[in-house]
């Protein structure tokens, strides 16, 4: 149950539309649900406004399926599963309704919410090789109720590709800039945009890129103001943060 649903429940209780017994039944799962191998944080949506997300890597397909099924049974409408393999998706989709996106290794169980953020989140990549991280970011943001525009393969090696999209950049509420190699895309976008920029270094690059460390250091040392940086290949973290920014002031 999220904050909106709790408010609605309390309003129904106050108006007499719902009985105390019904309200108690809906709240009885607090504060967590023990599945034996996992403890589901049932009240995270109430505390943070966003429900728990399943990190799929390292879990068995059956564990993912059981966790997702329990979340849906407890009233969570959208369950986001990151770092999910196609093999795991094949098992989970037999247990719960699942939409699997192989490029970003993201599964979405249940229904996709309608966008309710203030504006659009723009997800941009330096190259096509950065798309798996970008899709993780974009799908995360969409699963959290945001409208997302994708702008792929607009790196600094062909700067005119990015400059041709100035209108999209200026209309965004938040921008996620994703790049490997030297990671220059975040600085360039940061110098054009009037909104927060979340930079994501990727592990794409040749030997001296050190698995994304070169891009990470470049982004951390960006001369553009308003650029924040998440960890290497952390598309989920960028999409989550962009959603939080895009929902500031939204009740």
C-alpha atoms as a PDB file:
ATOM      1  CA  UNK A   1       0.000   0.000   0.000  1.00  0.00           C
ATOM      2  CA  UNK A   2       1.416   3.402  -0.964  1.00  0.00           C
ATOM      3  CA  UNK A   3       0.675   6.855   0.479  1.00  0.00           C
ATOM      4  CA  UNK A   4      -2.199   7.547  -1.920  1.00  0.00           C
ATOM      5  CA  UNK A   5      -3.898   4.266  -1.069  1.00  0.00           C
ATOM      6  CA  UNK A   6      -3.406   4.827   2.671  1.00  0.00           C
ATOM      7  CA  UNK A   7      -4.921   8.308   2.462  1.00  0.00           C
ATOM      8  CA  UNK A   8      -7.894   6.930   0.521  1.00  0.00           C
ATOM      9  CA  UNK A   9      -8.359   4.168   3.105  1.00  0.00           C
ATOM     10  CA  UNK A  10      -8.289   6.657   5.985  1.00  0.00           C
ATOM     11  CA  UNK A  11     -10.730   8.972   4.215  1.00  0.00           C
ATOM     12  CA  UNK A  12     -13.116   6.047   3.656  1.00  0.00           C
ATOM     13  CA  UNK A  13     -12.758   5.090   7.312  1.00  0.00           C
ATOM     14  CA  UNK A  14     -13.480   8.653   8.440  1.00  0.00           C
ATOM     15  CA  UNK A  15     -16.541   8.924   6.197  1.00  0.00           C
ATOM     16  CA  UNK A  16     -17.913   5.558   7.274  1.00  0.00           C
ATOM     17  CA  UNK A  17     -17.502   3.944   3.844  1.00  0.00           C
ATOM     18  CA  UNK A  18     -15.064   1.437   5.331  1.00  0.00           C
ATOM     19  CA  UNK A  19     -15.285  -0.356   8.664  1.00  0.00           C
ATOM     20  CA  UNK A  20     -12.504  -0.547  11.243  1.00  0.00           C
ATOM     21  CA  UNK A  21     -12.273  -4.309  10.639  1.00  0.00           C
ATOM     22  CA  UNK A  22     -11.692  -3.856   6.911  1.00  0.00           C
ATOM     23  CA  UNK A  23      -9.092  -1.153   7.517  1.00  0.00           C
ATOM     24  CA  UNK A  24      -7.295  -3.336  10.051  1.00  0.00           C
ATOM     25  CA  UNK A  25      -7.240  -6.230   7.591  1.00  0.00           C
ATOM     26  CA  UNK A  26      -5.608  -4.057   4.943  1.00  0.00           C
ATOM     27  CA  UNK A  27      -2.936  -2.852   7.383  1.00  0.00           C
ATOM     28  CA  UNK A  28      -2.178  -6.146   9.110  1.00  0.00           C
ATOM     29  CA  UNK A  29       0.867  -6.969   6.965  1.00  0.00           C
ATOM     30  CA  UNK A  30       2.920  -4.244   8.701  1.00  0.00           C
ATOM     31  CA  UNK A  31       5.842  -3.873   8.968  1.00  0.00           C
ATOM     32  CA  UNK A  32       7.241  -6.731   6.863  1.00  0.00           C
ATOM     33  CA  UNK A  33       6.323 -10.141   5.526  1.00  0.00           C
ATOM     34  CA  UNK A  34       8.628 -13.087   6.229  1.00  0.00           C
ATOM     35  CA  UNK A  35       8.896 -15.585   3.370  1.00  0.00           C
ATOM     36  CA  UNK A  36      11.607 -17.570   5.124  1.00  0.00           C
ATOM     37  CA  UNK A  37      14.327 -16.760   2.587  1.00  0.00           C
ATOM     38  CA  UNK A  38      13.339 -13.077   2.297  1.00  0.00           C
ATOM     39  CA  UNK A  39      11.644 -10.407   4.406  1.00  0.00           C
ATOM     40  CA  UNK A  40       9.464  -8.128   2.304  1.00  0.00           C
ATOM     41  CA  UNK A  41       9.445  -4.493   3.392  1.00  0.00           C
ATOM     42  CA  UNK A  42       5.684  -3.965   3.216  1.00  0.00           C
ATOM     43  CA  UNK A  43       5.806  -0.360   4.433  1.00  0.00           C
ATOM     44  CA  UNK A  44       8.547   0.985   2.179  1.00  0.00           C
ATOM     45  CA  UNK A  45       6.013   2.698  -0.072  1.00  0.00           C
ATOM     46  CA  UNK A  46       4.567   4.458   2.987  1.00  0.00           C
ATOM     47  CA  UNK A  47       7.992   5.592   4.203  1.00  0.00           C
ATOM     48  CA  UNK A  48       9.592   6.504   0.910  1.00  0.00           C
ATOM     49  CA  UNK A  49       6.754   6.787  -1.577  1.00  0.00           C
ATOM     50  CA  UNK A  50       8.210   3.966  -3.693  1.00  0.00           C
ATOM     51  CA  UNK A  51       7.668   0.280  -3.025  1.00  0.00           C
ATOM     52  CA  UNK A  52      10.432  -2.301  -2.707  1.00  0.00           C
ATOM     53  CA  UNK A  53      12.222  -3.345  -5.904  1.00  0.00           C
ATOM     54  CA  UNK A  54      13.519  -6.874  -6.541  1.00  0.00           C
ATOM     55  CA  UNK A  55      17.210  -7.167  -7.425  1.00  0.00           C
ATOM     56  CA  UNK A  56      17.210 -10.280  -9.567  1.00  0.00           C
ATOM     57  CA  UNK A  57      20.926 -11.093  -9.783  1.00  0.00           C
ATOM     58  CA  UNK A  58      21.929 -13.826  -7.343  1.00  0.00           C
ATOM     59  CA  UNK A  59      18.370 -14.966  -6.693  1.00  0.00           C
ATOM     60  CA  UNK A  60      16.939 -18.188  -8.086  1.00  0.00           C
ATOM     61  CA  UNK A  61      14.062 -17.871 -10.558  1.00  0.00           C
ATOM     62  CA  UNK A  62      11.758 -19.488  -7.988  1.00  0.00           C
ATOM     63  CA  UNK A  63      12.748 -16.972  -5.319  1.00  0.00           C
ATOM     64  CA  UNK A  64      12.034 -14.086  -7.682  1.00  0.00           C
ATOM     65  CA  UNK A  65       8.669 -15.596  -8.593  1.00  0.00           C
ATOM     66  CA  UNK A  66       7.669 -16.132  -4.960  1.00  0.00           C
ATOM     67  CA  UNK A  67       8.695 -12.604  -3.935  1.00  0.00           C
ATOM     68  CA  UNK A  68       6.847 -11.010  -6.864  1.00  0.00           C
ATOM     69  CA  UNK A  69       3.732 -13.089  -6.194  1.00  0.00           C
ATOM     70  CA  UNK A  70       3.739 -12.095  -2.514  1.00  0.00           C
ATOM     71  CA  UNK A  71       4.107  -8.414  -3.374  1.00  0.00           C
ATOM     72  CA  UNK A  72       1.208  -8.537  -5.814  1.00  0.00           C
ATOM     73  CA  UNK A  73      -0.914 -10.468  -3.312  1.00  0.00           C
ATOM     74  CA  UNK A  74      -0.248  -7.753  -0.720  1.00  0.00           C
ATOM     75  CA  UNK A  75      -1.667  -5.121  -3.069  1.00  0.00           C
ATOM     76  CA  UNK A  76       1.434  -3.822  -4.847  1.00  0.00           C
ATOM     77  CA  UNK A  77       0.292  -3.089  -8.388  1.00  0.00           C
ATOM     78  CA  UNK A  78       3.677  -2.785 -10.067  1.00  0.00           C
ATOM     79  CA  UNK A  79       6.676  -4.925  -9.143  1.00  0.00           C
ATOM     80  CA  UNK A  80       9.974  -3.904 -10.698  1.00  0.00           C
ATOM     81  CA  UNK A  81      12.636  -6.594 -11.099  1.00  0.00           C
ATOM     82  CA  UNK A  82      16.140  -5.505 -12.148  1.00  0.00           C
ATOM     83  CA  UNK A  83      19.131  -7.534 -13.411  1.00  0.00           C
ATOM     84  CA  UNK A  84      16.835 -10.354 -14.425  1.00  0.00           C
ATOM     85  CA  UNK A  85      17.913 -13.063 -16.856  1.00  0.00           C
ATOM     86  CA  UNK A  86      15.754 -14.370 -19.669  1.00  0.00           C
ATOM     87  CA  UNK A  87      15.859 -17.792 -18.010  1.00  0.00           C
ATOM     88  CA  UNK A  88      14.453 -16.368 -14.778  1.00  0.00           C
ATOM     89  CA  UNK A  89      11.776 -14.477 -16.702  1.00  0.00           C
ATOM     90  CA  UNK A  90      10.621 -17.724 -18.311  1.00  0.00           C
ATOM     91  CA  UNK A  91       9.949 -19.150 -14.843  1.00  0.00           C
ATOM     92  CA  UNK A  92       8.435 -16.012 -13.301  1.00  0.00           C
ATOM     93  CA  UNK A  93       5.979 -15.421 -16.139  1.00  0.00           C
ATOM     94  CA  UNK A  94       4.368 -18.772 -15.341  1.00  0.00           C
ATOM     95  CA  UNK A  95       3.570 -17.536 -11.824  1.00  0.00           C
ATOM     96  CA  UNK A  96       2.707 -13.850 -12.235  1.00  0.00           C
ATOM     97  CA  UNK A  97       1.784 -11.564 -15.166  1.00  0.00           C
ATOM     98  CA  UNK A  98       5.180 -10.361 -16.387  1.00  0.00           C
ATOM     99  CA  UNK A  99       6.529  -8.054 -19.073  1.00  0.00           C
ATOM    100  CA  UNK A 100      10.213  -8.806 -19.713  1.00  0.00           C
ATOM    101  CA  UNK A 101      12.608  -6.403 -21.445  1.00  0.00           C
ATOM    102  CA  UNK A 102      15.745  -8.267 -22.448  1.00  0.00           C
ATOM    103  CA  UNK A 103      17.835  -5.249 -23.467  1.00  0.00           C
ATOM    104  CA  UNK A 104      17.675  -3.717 -19.988  1.00  0.00           C
ATOM    105  CA  UNK A 105      17.310  -7.074 -18.176  1.00  0.00           C
ATOM    106  CA  UNK A 106      14.203  -5.670 -16.491  1.00  0.00           C
ATOM    107  CA  UNK A 107      10.991  -7.455 -15.597  1.00  0.00           C
ATOM    108  CA  UNK A 108       7.778  -5.677 -14.662  1.00  0.00           C
ATOM    109  CA  UNK A 109       5.154  -7.773 -12.911  1.00  0.00           C
ATOM    110  CA  UNK A 110       1.601  -6.475 -12.669  1.00  0.00           C
ATOM    111  CA  UNK A 111       0.479  -3.316 -14.403  1.00  0.00           C
ATOM    112  CA  UNK A 112       2.475  -0.340 -15.616  1.00  0.00           C
ATOM    113  CA  UNK A 113       1.357   2.857 -13.849  1.00  0.00           C
ATOM    114  CA  UNK A 114       0.186   5.966 -15.655  1.00  0.00           C
ATOM    115  CA  UNK A 115       2.724   8.812 -15.602  1.00  0.00           C
ATOM    116  CA  UNK A 116       2.091  11.196 -12.696  1.00  0.00           C
ATOM    117  CA  UNK A 117       5.377  13.119 -12.546  1.00  0.00           C
ATOM    118  CA  UNK A 118       5.747  16.861 -13.140  1.00  0.00           C
ATOM    119  CA  UNK A 119       7.323  16.528 -16.564  1.00  0.00           C
ATOM    120  CA  UNK A 120       9.444  14.318 -18.802  1.00  0.00           C
ATOM    121  CA  UNK A 121      12.603  12.414 -18.007  1.00  0.00           C
ATOM    122  CA  UNK A 122      15.093  12.349 -20.876  1.00  0.00           C
ATOM    123  CA  UNK A 123      17.448   9.362 -21.082  1.00  0.00           C
ATOM    124  CA  UNK A 124      20.410   9.985 -23.397  1.00  0.00           C
ATOM    125  CA  UNK A 125      23.365   7.760 -24.327  1.00  0.00           C
ATOM    126  CA  UNK A 126      26.732   8.414 -25.867  1.00  0.00           C
ATOM    127  CA  UNK A 127      26.584   5.276 -27.992  1.00  0.00           C
ATOM    128  CA  UNK A 128      24.462   2.291 -28.915  1.00  0.00           C
ATOM    129  CA  UNK A 129      26.610   0.101 -26.646  1.00  0.00           C
ATOM    130  CA  UNK A 130      25.280   2.053 -23.653  1.00  0.00           C
ATOM    131  CA  UNK A 131      21.687   1.067 -24.389  1.00  0.00           C
ATOM    132  CA  UNK A 132      21.417  -1.816 -21.875  1.00  0.00           C
ATOM    133  CA  UNK A 133      22.164   0.585 -19.013  1.00  0.00           C
ATOM    134  CA  UNK A 134      19.896   3.204 -20.571  1.00  0.00           C
ATOM    135  CA  UNK A 135      16.987   0.791 -20.853  1.00  0.00           C
ATOM    136  CA  UNK A 136      17.408  -0.158 -17.195  1.00  0.00           C
ATOM    137  CA  UNK A 137      17.168   3.540 -16.321  1.00  0.00           C
ATOM    138  CA  UNK A 138      14.267   4.279 -18.662  1.00  0.00           C
ATOM    139  CA  UNK A 139      12.194   1.263 -17.642  1.00  0.00           C
ATOM    140  CA  UNK A 140      12.812   1.985 -13.966  1.00  0.00           C
ATOM    141  CA  UNK A 141      11.554   5.534 -14.426  1.00  0.00           C
ATOM    142  CA  UNK A 142       8.498   4.340 -16.374  1.00  0.00           C
ATOM    143  CA  UNK A 143       7.667   1.718 -13.742  1.00  0.00           C
ATOM    144  CA  UNK A 144       7.783   4.488 -11.132  1.00  0.00           C
ATOM    145  CA  UNK A 145       5.234   6.611 -12.978  1.00  0.00           C
ATOM    146  CA  UNK A 146       7.174   8.864 -15.322  1.00  0.00           C
ATOM    147  CA  UNK A 147       6.977   9.802 -18.972  1.00  0.00           C
ATOM    148  CA  UNK A 148      10.338   9.007 -20.563  1.00  0.00           C
ATOM    149  CA  UNK A 149      11.936  10.206 -23.801  1.00  0.00           C
ATOM    150  CA  UNK A 150      14.849   8.160 -25.165  1.00  0.00           C
ATOM    151  CA  UNK A 151      17.694   9.859 -27.009  1.00  0.00           C
ATOM    152  CA  UNK A 152      20.257   7.232 -27.976  1.00  0.00           C
ATOM    153  CA  UNK A 153      23.611   7.393 -29.757  1.00  0.00           C
ATOM    154  CA  UNK A 154      24.211  11.147 -29.443  1.00  0.00           C
ATOM    155  CA  UNK A 155      27.786  11.090 -28.138  1.00  0.00           C
ATOM    156  CA  UNK A 156      30.431  13.765 -28.518  1.00  0.00           C
ATOM    157  CA  UNK A 157      32.125  11.960 -31.428  1.00  0.00           C
ATOM    158  CA  UNK A 158      29.301  13.442 -33.531  1.00  0.00           C
ATOM    159  CA  UNK A 159      28.204  16.464 -31.505  1.00  0.00           C
ATOM    160  CA  UNK A 160      25.747  17.628 -34.176  1.00  0.00           C
ATOM    161  CA  UNK A 161      23.541  14.629 -33.313  1.00  0.00           C
ATOM    162  CA  UNK A 162      23.062  15.965 -29.791  1.00  0.00           C
ATOM    163  CA  UNK A 163      22.700  19.617 -30.804  1.00  0.00           C
ATOM    164  CA  UNK A 164      19.892  18.706 -33.198  1.00  0.00           C
ATOM    165  CA  UNK A 165      17.857  17.639 -30.123  1.00  0.00           C
ATOM    166  CA  UNK A 166      18.161  20.898 -28.162  1.00  0.00           C
ATOM    167  CA  UNK A 167      14.386  21.249 -27.851  1.00  0.00           C
ATOM    168  CA  UNK A 168      14.054  17.834 -26.194  1.00  0.00           C
ATOM    169  CA  UNK A 169      16.900  18.713 -23.820  1.00  0.00           C
ATOM    170  CA  UNK A 170      15.352  22.036 -22.819  1.00  0.00           C
ATOM    171  CA  UNK A 171      11.887  20.524 -22.296  1.00  0.00           C
ATOM    172  CA  UNK A 172      13.072  17.829 -19.875  1.00  0.00           C
ATOM    173  CA  UNK A 173      12.501  17.979 -16.111  1.00  0.00           C
ATOM    174  CA  UNK A 174      15.427  15.646 -15.443  1.00  0.00           C
ATOM    175  CA  UNK A 175      18.071  14.205 -17.757  1.00  0.00           C
ATOM    176  CA  UNK A 176      19.898  10.913 -17.344  1.00  0.00           C
ATOM    177  CA  UNK A 177      23.167  11.087 -19.314  1.00  0.00           C
ATOM    178  CA  UNK A 178      24.761   7.688 -19.903  1.00  0.00           C
ATOM    179  CA  UNK A 179      28.199   7.211 -21.441  1.00  0.00           C
ATOM    180  CA  UNK A 180      31.322   5.084 -21.364  1.00  0.00           C
ATOM    181  CA  UNK A 181      34.735   5.822 -22.895  1.00  0.00           C
ATOM    182  CA  UNK A 182      35.726   9.264 -21.501  1.00  0.00           C
ATOM    183  CA  UNK A 183      32.186  10.066 -20.287  1.00  0.00           C
ATOM    184  CA  UNK A 184      32.076  13.548 -21.819  1.00  0.00           C
ATOM    185  CA  UNK A 185      28.354  13.440 -22.649  1.00  0.00           C
ATOM    186  CA  UNK A 186      27.292  14.401 -19.124  1.00  0.00           C
ATOM    187  CA  UNK A 187      29.342  17.615 -19.158  1.00  0.00           C
ATOM    188  CA  UNK A 188      28.066  18.636 -22.580  1.00  0.00           C
ATOM    189  CA  UNK A 189      24.432  18.037 -21.643  1.00  0.00           C
ATOM    190  CA  UNK A 190      25.013  19.736 -18.292  1.00  0.00           C
ATOM    191  CA  UNK A 191      26.145  22.836 -20.172  1.00  0.00           C
ATOM    192  CA  UNK A 192      22.972  22.893 -22.278  1.00  0.00           C
ATOM    193  CA  UNK A 193      20.214  21.903 -19.850  1.00  0.00           C
ATOM    194  CA  UNK A 194      18.355  23.967 -17.248  1.00  0.00           C
ATOM    195  CA  UNK A 195      17.396  20.916 -15.164  1.00  0.00           C
ATOM    196  CA  UNK A 196      19.242  18.384 -12.973  1.00  0.00           C
ATOM    197  CA  UNK A 197      21.447  15.914 -14.846  1.00  0.00           C
ATOM    198  CA  UNK A 198      22.071  12.427 -13.459  1.00  0.00           C
ATOM    199  CA  UNK A 199      25.241  11.023 -14.994  1.00  0.00           C
ATOM    200  CA  UNK A 200      25.809   7.281 -15.381  1.00  0.00           C
ATOM    201  CA  UNK A 201      29.283   6.040 -16.327  1.00  0.00           C
ATOM    202  CA  UNK A 202      29.246   2.714 -18.154  1.00  0.00           C
ATOM    203  CA  UNK A 203      31.858  -0.004 -18.442  1.00  0.00           C
ATOM    204  CA  UNK A 204      31.917   0.453 -22.235  1.00  0.00           C
ATOM    205  CA  UNK A 205      35.377   1.261 -23.543  1.00  0.00           C
ATOM    206  CA  UNK A 206      38.850   0.028 -24.395  1.00  0.00           C
ATOM    207  CA  UNK A 207      41.563  -1.063 -21.949  1.00  0.00           C
ATOM    208  CA  UNK A 208      42.459   2.260 -20.354  1.00  0.00           C
ATOM    209  CA  UNK A 209      38.806   2.973 -19.566  1.00  0.00           C
ATOM    210  CA  UNK A 210      39.320   0.527 -16.655  1.00  0.00           C
ATOM    211  CA  UNK A 211      35.807  -0.910 -16.787  1.00  0.00           C
ATOM    212  CA  UNK A 212      34.118   2.491 -16.500  1.00  0.00           C
ATOM    213  CA  UNK A 213      36.461   4.107 -13.972  1.00  0.00           C
ATOM    214  CA  UNK A 214      37.668   6.625 -16.560  1.00  0.00           C
ATOM    215  CA  UNK A 215      34.102   7.759 -17.311  1.00  0.00           C
ATOM    216  CA  UNK A 216      33.274   7.828 -13.595  1.00  0.00           C
ATOM    217  CA  UNK A 217      36.182  10.138 -12.783  1.00  0.00           C
ATOM    218  CA  UNK A 218      35.404  12.383 -15.760  1.00  0.00           C
ATOM    219  CA  UNK A 219      31.785  12.760 -14.652  1.00  0.00           C
ATOM    220  CA  UNK A 220      32.770  13.408 -11.034  1.00  0.00           C
ATOM    221  CA  UNK A 221      35.096  16.166 -12.265  1.00  0.00           C
ATOM    222  CA  UNK A 222      32.536  17.716 -14.619  1.00  0.00           C
ATOM    223  CA  UNK A 223      32.867  21.477 -14.999  1.00  0.00           C
ATOM    224  CA  UNK A 224      29.112  21.741 -15.675  1.00  0.00           C
ATOM    225  CA  UNK A 225      26.979  22.663 -12.673  1.00  0.00           C
ATOM    226  CA  UNK A 226      23.974  20.570 -11.692  1.00  0.00           C
ATOM    227  CA  UNK A 227      25.482  17.195 -12.615  1.00  0.00           C
ATOM    228  CA  UNK A 228      25.307  14.359 -10.078  1.00  0.00           C
ATOM    229  CA  UNK A 229      26.847  10.925 -10.618  1.00  0.00           C
ATOM    230  CA  UNK A 230      25.748   7.393  -9.746  1.00  0.00           C
ATOM    231  CA  UNK A 231      27.820   4.214  -9.823  1.00  0.00           C
ATOM    232  CA  UNK A 232      29.167   2.486 -12.923  1.00  0.00           C
ATOM    233  CA  UNK A 233      26.398   0.803 -14.972  1.00  0.00           C
ATOM    234  CA  UNK A 234      23.794   1.775 -12.332  1.00  0.00           C
ATOM    235  CA  UNK A 235      20.892   2.560 -14.637  1.00  0.00           C
ATOM    236  CA  UNK A 236      18.419   1.595 -11.916  1.00  0.00           C
ATOM    237  CA  UNK A 237      19.861   4.092  -9.443  1.00  0.00           C
ATOM    238  CA  UNK A 238      19.744   6.862 -12.051  1.00  0.00           C
ATOM    239  CA  UNK A 239      16.157   6.102 -13.062  1.00  0.00           C
ATOM    240  CA  UNK A 240      15.089   5.959  -9.404  1.00  0.00           C
ATOM    241  CA  UNK A 241      16.745   9.287  -8.556  1.00  0.00           C
ATOM    242  CA  UNK A 242      15.342  10.946 -11.690  1.00  0.00           C
ATOM    243  CA  UNK A 243      11.860   9.778 -10.680  1.00  0.00           C
ATOM    244  CA  UNK A 244      12.250  11.241  -7.190  1.00  0.00           C
ATOM    245  CA  UNK A 245      13.260  14.597  -8.689  1.00  0.00           C
ATOM    246  CA  UNK A 246      10.408  14.496 -11.205  1.00  0.00           C
ATOM    247  CA  UNK A 247       7.898  13.870  -8.397  1.00  0.00           C
ATOM    248  CA  UNK A 248       8.995  16.689  -6.097  1.00  0.00           C
ATOM    249  CA  UNK A 249       5.887  18.705  -5.289  1.00  0.00           C
ATOM    250  CA  UNK A 250       3.536  16.035  -6.673  1.00  0.00           C
ATOM    251  CA  UNK A 251       1.072  14.692  -4.121  1.00  0.00           C
END
